[in-house]
Amino acid sequence: MWCYITEDRFEADAISRERLVPTVNRPEEVLRERLLVGPAGACVEKLAALRDAGVQRAFIWPTDDVRQLELFCEKVRPAVSR
């Protein structure tokens, strides 16, 4: 699952529009609903919903450098693991 954690809505929109839409070739609205792009809290909610639906594993693919993976491990994974 593509991942880019940021509290800046404009940055999240730019990542979706400029990197993910051309790569995945899906409408921006669809990707915004499904991918882990945006605030950590929103990413937690999406993963928790998947977990509650029975998903046991999600593969995380940071759209940027290793810092994104670190943010995921610091801010998202602990909250979903509860």
C-alpha atoms as a PDB file:
ATOM      1  CA  MET A   1       0.000   0.000   0.000  1.00  0.00           C
ATOM      2  CA  TRP A   2       1.435   3.379  -1.006  1.00  0.00           C
ATOM      3  CA  CYS A   3       2.237   5.523   1.998  1.00  0.00           C
ATOM      4  CA  TYR A   4       3.117   9.180   2.567  1.00  0.00           C
ATOM      5  CA  ILE A   5       2.480  10.600   6.015  1.00  0.00           C
ATOM      6  CA  THR A   6       2.095  14.348   6.350  1.00  0.00           C
ATOM      7  CA  GLU A   7      -0.102  16.664   8.358  1.00  0.00           C
ATOM      8  CA  ASP A   8      -0.023  19.146   5.461  1.00  0.00           C
ATOM      9  CA  ARG A   9      -3.138  18.632   3.329  1.00  0.00           C
ATOM     10  CA  PHE A  10      -1.660  20.474   0.359  1.00  0.00           C
ATOM     11  CA  GLU A  11       1.449  18.293   0.428  1.00  0.00           C
ATOM     12  CA  ALA A  12      -0.689  15.146   0.598  1.00  0.00           C
ATOM     13  CA  ASP A  13      -2.788  16.329  -2.353  1.00  0.00           C
ATOM     14  CA  ALA A  14       0.349  17.115  -4.358  1.00  0.00           C
ATOM     15  CA  ILE A  15       1.814  13.666  -3.662  1.00  0.00           C
ATOM     16  CA  SER A  16      -1.418  12.023  -4.777  1.00  0.00           C
ATOM     17  CA  ARG A  17      -1.868  14.161  -7.869  1.00  0.00           C
ATOM     18  CA  GLU A  18       1.755  14.376  -9.052  1.00  0.00           C
ATOM     19  CA  ARG A  19       3.157  10.963  -8.101  1.00  0.00           C
ATOM     20  CA  LEU A  20       0.437   8.429  -7.487  1.00  0.00           C
ATOM     21  CA  VAL A  21      -2.271   9.268 -10.027  1.00  0.00           C
ATOM     22  CA  PRO A  22       0.166   9.000 -12.969  1.00  0.00           C
ATOM     23  CA  THR A  23       1.766   5.855 -11.537  1.00  0.00           C
ATOM     24  CA  VAL A  24      -1.358   3.945 -10.554  1.00  0.00           C
ATOM     25  CA  ASN A  25      -3.605   5.413 -13.273  1.00  0.00           C
ATOM     26  CA  ARG A  26      -6.659   5.732 -11.019  1.00  0.00           C
ATOM     27  CA  PRO A  27      -8.772   8.788 -10.196  1.00  0.00           C
ATOM     28  CA  GLU A  28      -7.402  10.966  -7.412  1.00  0.00           C
ATOM     29  CA  GLU A  29     -10.614  10.616  -5.374  1.00  0.00           C
ATOM     30  CA  VAL A  30     -10.322   6.826  -5.384  1.00  0.00           C
ATOM     31  CA  LEU A  31      -6.695   6.913  -4.316  1.00  0.00           C
ATOM     32  CA  ARG A  32      -7.402   9.469  -1.588  1.00  0.00           C
ATOM     33  CA  GLU A  33      -9.973   7.087  -0.068  1.00  0.00           C
ATOM     34  CA  ARG A  34      -7.818   3.990  -0.240  1.00  0.00           C
ATOM     35  CA  LEU A  35      -4.138   4.881   0.161  1.00  0.00           C
ATOM     36  CA  LEU A  36      -2.187   5.907   3.230  1.00  0.00           C
ATOM     37  CA  VAL A  37      -1.484   9.462   2.121  1.00  0.00           C
ATOM     38  CA  GLY A  38      -2.124  12.237   4.606  1.00  0.00           C
ATOM     39  CA  PRO A  39      -2.231  12.667   8.382  1.00  0.00           C
ATOM     40  CA  ALA A  40      -1.121   9.791  10.590  1.00  0.00           C
ATOM     41  CA  GLY A  41      -4.554   9.655  12.224  1.00  0.00           C
ATOM     42  CA  ALA A  42      -6.282   9.136   8.881  1.00  0.00           C
ATOM     43  CA  CYS A  43      -3.797   6.394   8.010  1.00  0.00           C
ATOM     44  CA  VAL A  44      -4.514   4.693  11.329  1.00  0.00           C
ATOM     45  CA  GLU A  45      -8.265   4.798  10.604  1.00  0.00           C
ATOM     46  CA  LYS A  46      -7.829   3.240   7.153  1.00  0.00           C
ATOM     47  CA  LEU A  47      -5.609   0.442   8.426  1.00  0.00           C
ATOM     48  CA  ALA A  48      -7.850  -0.181  11.439  1.00  0.00           C
ATOM     49  CA  ALA A  49     -10.847  -0.534   9.117  1.00  0.00           C
ATOM     50  CA  LEU A  50      -8.940  -3.057   7.022  1.00  0.00           C
ATOM     51  CA  ARG A  51      -7.859  -4.922  10.159  1.00  0.00           C
ATOM     52  CA  ASP A  52     -11.442  -5.000  11.413  1.00  0.00           C
ATOM     53  CA  ALA A  53     -12.537  -6.386   8.043  1.00  0.00           C
ATOM     54  CA  GLY A  54     -10.131  -9.294   8.481  1.00  0.00           C
ATOM     55  CA  VAL A  55      -6.985  -8.119   6.709  1.00  0.00           C
ATOM     56  CA  GLN A  56      -3.977  -9.626   8.470  1.00  0.00           C
ATOM     57  CA  ARG A  57      -1.129  -8.013   6.501  1.00  0.00           C
ATOM     58  CA  ALA A  58      -0.571  -4.840   4.564  1.00  0.00           C
ATOM     59  CA  PHE A  59       2.618  -4.196   2.653  1.00  0.00           C
ATOM     60  CA  ILE A  60       3.716  -0.581   2.998  1.00  0.00           C
ATOM     61  CA  TRP A  61       5.433   1.173   0.112  1.00  0.00           C
ATOM     62  CA  PRO A  62       6.691   4.650   1.082  1.00  0.00           C
ATOM     63  CA  THR A  63       6.469   7.106  -1.803  1.00  0.00           C
ATOM     64  CA  ASP A  64       9.557   8.910  -0.596  1.00  0.00           C
ATOM     65  CA  ASP A  65      12.703   8.278   1.398  1.00  0.00           C
ATOM     66  CA  VAL A  66      13.210   6.064   4.418  1.00  0.00           C
ATOM     67  CA  ARG A  67      11.876   8.853   6.677  1.00  0.00           C
ATOM     68  CA  GLN A  68       8.368   7.939   5.561  1.00  0.00           C
ATOM     69  CA  LEU A  69       8.862   4.386   6.769  1.00  0.00           C
ATOM     70  CA  GLU A  70      10.155   5.730  10.079  1.00  0.00           C
ATOM     71  CA  LEU A  71       7.062   7.970  10.419  1.00  0.00           C
ATOM     72  CA  PHE A  72       4.849   4.980   9.721  1.00  0.00           C
ATOM     73  CA  CYS A  73       6.611   2.951  12.430  1.00  0.00           C
ATOM     74  CA  GLU A  74       6.453   5.820  14.924  1.00  0.00           C
ATOM     75  CA  LYS A  75       2.958   7.185  14.362  1.00  0.00           C
ATOM     76  CA  VAL A  76       0.787   4.646  12.586  1.00  0.00           C
ATOM     77  CA  ARG A  77       1.814   1.069  13.342  1.00  0.00           C
ATOM     78  CA  PRO A  78       1.607   1.373  17.162  1.00  0.00           C
ATOM     79  CA  ALA A  79      -1.904   2.805  16.989  1.00  0.00           C
ATOM     80  CA  VAL A  80      -3.164   0.078  14.657  1.00  0.00           C
ATOM     81  CA  SER A  81      -1.552  -2.682  16.697  1.00  0.00           C
ATOM     82  CA  ARG A  82      -3.611  -1.900  19.802  1.00  0.00           C
END
